[in-house]
Every structure is written in structure tokens, then in C-alpha cells.
């Protein structure tokens, strides 16, 4: 019996975007309710800013946990990449070869022939 692969979580970018959109939507809903109740728009937006922060901490707890997980994964990946780069720079680890273009970009100066235009 074959096992299905574990579902993957979205990356950091989509998770941050989703969390930001959810917080903005909450802010808009609170401000709209206040405006419909007769509160001036500017005051409604300011009150919504103050109310939305603690409310979003409660309402979006799962989304915030997913964001924390995505941040942790991104931080670990960047740490591994940084250590691999440092190891290559120190010469501890053989670097991967990069295929060079068959023809150099400039025909005047190639790595095999010095540039003779500066005589």
C-alpha cells in the first residue's frame, strides 16, 4: 500500500499575505460596523485599529501559528544556505561547477586572451 506524501504548507510569502489580508479584513469589518453605527469615518478607523490588534490575536491564532512555522522554516533554510556558502568560500566543501556559455559575451577580452585595447 503506497502512502501519500504529506501535505505541504504554503511558503512564507503566501502565508504572510494571507495573514495581512485577514488582519486588514478584520480592520475593515470593524470600521464598517462603527461607520454604520454613526461614528465618523476617521474615528471609526482609529478605533478599529486599536480593537483589531487584540481581537486578531484571538481570532487568527491558527493562522499566526502557521506564519510562525513558515518563518521558522525560512530561517532554517537560509541558515543552511549561509553555512554552505561560508564553507564554499573557506574551501571546505567542493563547489558545484557552473556551465559556462559556449561563447563569451564579449569577443574583445576572453579569459584565455588578455584585453589588448589598453596598450
C-alpha atoms as a PDB file:
ATOM      1  CA  UNK A   1       0.000   0.000   0.000  1.00  0.00           C
ATOM      2  CA  UNK A   2       1.530   3.283  -1.107  1.00  0.00           C
ATOM      3  CA  UNK A   3       1.448   6.184   1.289  1.00  0.00           C
ATOM      4  CA  UNK A   4       0.526   9.588   0.006  1.00  0.00           C
ATOM      5  CA  UNK A   5       3.060  12.362   0.554  1.00  0.00           C
ATOM      6  CA  UNK A   6       2.488  14.685   3.469  1.00  0.00           C
ATOM      7  CA  UNK A   7       0.631  17.855   2.506  1.00  0.00           C
ATOM      8  CA  UNK A   8       2.984  20.758   2.102  1.00  0.00           C
ATOM      9  CA  UNK A   9       2.345  24.105   3.689  1.00  0.00           C
ATOM     10  CA  UNK A  10       2.413  27.245   1.580  1.00  0.00           C
ATOM     11  CA  UNK A  11       5.648  29.202   1.601  1.00  0.00           C
ATOM     12  CA  UNK A  12       6.445  32.298   3.574  1.00  0.00           C
ATOM     13  CA  UNK A  13       5.149  34.804   1.019  1.00  0.00           C
ATOM     14  CA  UNK A  14       1.625  33.412   0.669  1.00  0.00           C
ATOM     15  CA  UNK A  15       1.348  32.893   4.436  1.00  0.00           C
ATOM     16  CA  UNK A  16       2.364  36.486   5.190  1.00  0.00           C
ATOM     17  CA  UNK A  17      -0.035  37.749   2.522  1.00  0.00           C
ATOM     18  CA  UNK A  18      -2.908  35.686   3.923  1.00  0.00           C
ATOM     19  CA  UNK A  19      -2.259  36.873   7.483  1.00  0.00           C
ATOM     20  CA  UNK A  20      -2.006  40.517   6.376  1.00  0.00           C
ATOM     21  CA  UNK A  21      -5.213  40.254   4.342  1.00  0.00           C
ATOM     22  CA  UNK A  22      -7.042  38.655   7.261  1.00  0.00           C
ATOM     23  CA  UNK A  23      -5.961  41.456   9.595  1.00  0.00           C
ATOM     24  CA  UNK A  24      -6.916  44.137   7.068  1.00  0.00           C
ATOM     25  CA  UNK A  25     -10.299  42.476   6.528  1.00  0.00           C
ATOM     26  CA  UNK A  26     -10.919  42.445  10.280  1.00  0.00           C
ATOM     27  CA  UNK A  27      -9.976  46.123  10.458  1.00  0.00           C
ATOM     28  CA  UNK A  28     -12.338  46.926   7.579  1.00  0.00           C
ATOM     29  CA  UNK A  29     -15.227  44.980   9.129  1.00  0.00           C
ATOM     30  CA  UNK A  30     -14.838  46.703  12.493  1.00  0.00           C
ATOM     31  CA  UNK A  31     -14.570  50.137  10.869  1.00  0.00           C
ATOM     32  CA  UNK A  32     -17.609  49.421   8.674  1.00  0.00           C
ATOM     33  CA  UNK A  33     -19.701  48.363  11.665  1.00  0.00           C
ATOM     34  CA  UNK A  34     -18.716  51.543  13.508  1.00  0.00           C
ATOM     35  CA  UNK A  35     -19.477  53.746  10.477  1.00  0.00           C
ATOM     36  CA  UNK A  36     -22.880  52.077  10.079  1.00  0.00           C
ATOM     37  CA  UNK A  37     -23.481  52.814  13.783  1.00  0.00           C
ATOM     38  CA  UNK A  38     -22.993  56.518  13.077  1.00  0.00           C
ATOM     39  CA  UNK A  39     -19.355  57.001  14.117  1.00  0.00           C
ATOM     40  CA  UNK A  40     -17.336  59.366  11.869  1.00  0.00           C
ATOM     41  CA  UNK A  41     -15.065  57.503   9.429  1.00  0.00           C
ATOM     42  CA  UNK A  42     -11.745  58.740  10.854  1.00  0.00           C
ATOM     43  CA  UNK A  43     -12.741  57.884  14.412  1.00  0.00           C
ATOM     44  CA  UNK A  44     -14.081  54.513  13.271  1.00  0.00           C
ATOM     45  CA  UNK A  45     -10.783  53.640  11.572  1.00  0.00           C
ATOM     46  CA  UNK A  46      -8.754  54.700  14.611  1.00  0.00           C
ATOM     47  CA  UNK A  47     -10.949  52.699  16.998  1.00  0.00           C
ATOM     48  CA  UNK A  48     -10.826  49.731  14.601  1.00  0.00           C
ATOM     49  CA  UNK A  49      -7.019  49.872  14.640  1.00  0.00           C
ATOM     50  CA  UNK A  50      -6.985  49.675  18.430  1.00  0.00           C
ATOM     51  CA  UNK A  51      -9.651  46.966  18.655  1.00  0.00           C
ATOM     52  CA  UNK A  52      -8.415  44.818  15.755  1.00  0.00           C
ATOM     53  CA  UNK A  53      -4.978  44.102  17.246  1.00  0.00           C
ATOM     54  CA  UNK A  54      -6.043  42.141  20.349  1.00  0.00           C
ATOM     55  CA  UNK A  55      -9.024  40.679  18.516  1.00  0.00           C
ATOM     56  CA  UNK A  56      -6.799  39.359  15.711  1.00  0.00           C
ATOM     57  CA  UNK A  57      -4.536  37.701  18.274  1.00  0.00           C
ATOM     58  CA  UNK A  58      -7.507  35.666  19.442  1.00  0.00           C
ATOM     59  CA  UNK A  59      -9.306  35.109  16.144  1.00  0.00           C
ATOM     60  CA  UNK A  60      -6.258  34.319  13.999  1.00  0.00           C
ATOM     61  CA  UNK A  61      -4.334  32.138  16.467  1.00  0.00           C
ATOM     62  CA  UNK A  62      -4.061  29.232  13.997  1.00  0.00           C
ATOM     63  CA  UNK A  63      -3.030  31.495  11.151  1.00  0.00           C
ATOM     64  CA  UNK A  64      -0.395  33.112  13.346  1.00  0.00           C
ATOM     65  CA  UNK A  65       0.953  29.674  14.310  1.00  0.00           C
ATOM     66  CA  UNK A  66       1.198  28.805  10.603  1.00  0.00           C
ATOM     67  CA  UNK A  67       3.038  32.083   9.994  1.00  0.00           C
ATOM     68  CA  UNK A  68       5.464  31.321  12.836  1.00  0.00           C
ATOM     69  CA  UNK A  69       6.092  27.875  11.333  1.00  0.00           C
ATOM     70  CA  UNK A  70       6.731  29.359   7.877  1.00  0.00           C
ATOM     71  CA  UNK A  71       9.132  31.914   9.381  1.00  0.00           C
ATOM     72  CA  UNK A  72      10.998  29.154  11.233  1.00  0.00           C
ATOM     73  CA  UNK A  73      11.321  27.027   8.093  1.00  0.00           C
ATOM     74  CA  UNK A  74      12.565  30.018   6.079  1.00  0.00           C
ATOM     75  CA  UNK A  75      15.062  30.957   8.808  1.00  0.00           C
ATOM     76  CA  UNK A  76      16.428  27.384   8.980  1.00  0.00           C
ATOM     77  CA  UNK A  77      16.708  27.142   5.181  1.00  0.00           C
ATOM     78  CA  UNK A  78      18.561  30.449   4.987  1.00  0.00           C
ATOM     79  CA  UNK A  79      20.870  29.370   7.803  1.00  0.00           C
ATOM     80  CA  UNK A  80      21.764  26.148   5.963  1.00  0.00           C
ATOM     81  CA  UNK A  81      22.334  28.068   2.722  1.00  0.00           C
ATOM     82  CA  UNK A  82      24.503  30.646   4.523  1.00  0.00           C
ATOM     83  CA  UNK A  83      26.632  27.931   6.153  1.00  0.00           C
ATOM     84  CA  UNK A  84      27.048  26.146   2.800  1.00  0.00           C
ATOM     85  CA  UNK A  85      28.165  29.400   1.191  1.00  0.00           C
ATOM     86  CA  UNK A  86      30.652  30.077   4.001  1.00  0.00           C
ATOM     87  CA  UNK A  87      32.014  26.539   3.654  1.00  0.00           C
ATOM     88  CA  UNK A  88      32.487  27.025  -0.096  1.00  0.00           C
ATOM     89  CA  UNK A  89      34.207  30.366   0.469  1.00  0.00           C
ATOM     90  CA  UNK A  90      36.557  28.767   3.003  1.00  0.00           C
ATOM     91  CA  UNK A  91      37.246  25.943   0.558  1.00  0.00           C
ATOM     92  CA  UNK A  92      35.963  23.287   2.966  1.00  0.00           C
ATOM     93  CA  UNK A  93      33.431  21.969   0.502  1.00  0.00           C
ATOM     94  CA  UNK A  94      33.860  21.450  -3.234  1.00  0.00           C
ATOM     95  CA  UNK A  95      31.699  23.859  -5.143  1.00  0.00           C
ATOM     96  CA  UNK A  96      29.403  22.793  -7.918  1.00  0.00           C
ATOM     97  CA  UNK A  97      30.551  23.540 -11.407  1.00  0.00           C
ATOM     98  CA  UNK A  98      28.572  26.061 -13.380  1.00  0.00           C
ATOM     99  CA  UNK A  99      28.282  25.517 -17.103  1.00  0.00           C
ATOM    100  CA  UNK A 100      29.923  28.362 -18.952  1.00  0.00           C
ATOM    101  CA  UNK A 101      28.429  29.817 -22.094  1.00  0.00           C
ATOM    102  CA  UNK A 102      29.976  28.283 -25.233  1.00  0.00           C
ATOM    103  CA  UNK A 103      30.913  31.765 -26.428  1.00  0.00           C
ATOM    104  CA  UNK A 104      31.977  34.601 -24.134  1.00  0.00           C
ATOM    105  CA  UNK A 105      29.734  37.656 -24.017  1.00  0.00           C
ATOM    106  CA  UNK A 106      32.499  39.935 -25.252  1.00  0.00           C
ATOM    107  CA  UNK A 107      34.764  38.888 -28.109  1.00  0.00           C
ATOM    108  CA  UNK A 108      37.376  41.536 -27.229  1.00  0.00           C
ATOM    109  CA  UNK A 109      38.517  40.103 -23.908  1.00  0.00           C
ATOM    110  CA  UNK A 110      38.196  36.429 -23.059  1.00  0.00           C
ATOM    111  CA  UNK A 111      39.618  34.672 -20.023  1.00  0.00           C
ATOM    112  CA  UNK A 112      42.190  32.948 -22.285  1.00  0.00           C
ATOM    113  CA  UNK A 113      43.306  36.118 -24.060  1.00  0.00           C
ATOM    114  CA  UNK A 114      44.149  39.365 -22.251  1.00  0.00           C
ATOM    115  CA  UNK A 115      42.487  42.576 -23.367  1.00  0.00           C
ATOM    116  CA  UNK A 116      44.861  44.288 -25.778  1.00  0.00           C
ATOM    117  CA  UNK A 117      42.883  47.501 -26.167  1.00  0.00           C
ATOM    118  CA  UNK A 118      44.664  49.175 -23.223  1.00  0.00           C
ATOM    119  CA  UNK A 119      48.195  49.290 -24.740  1.00  0.00           C
END
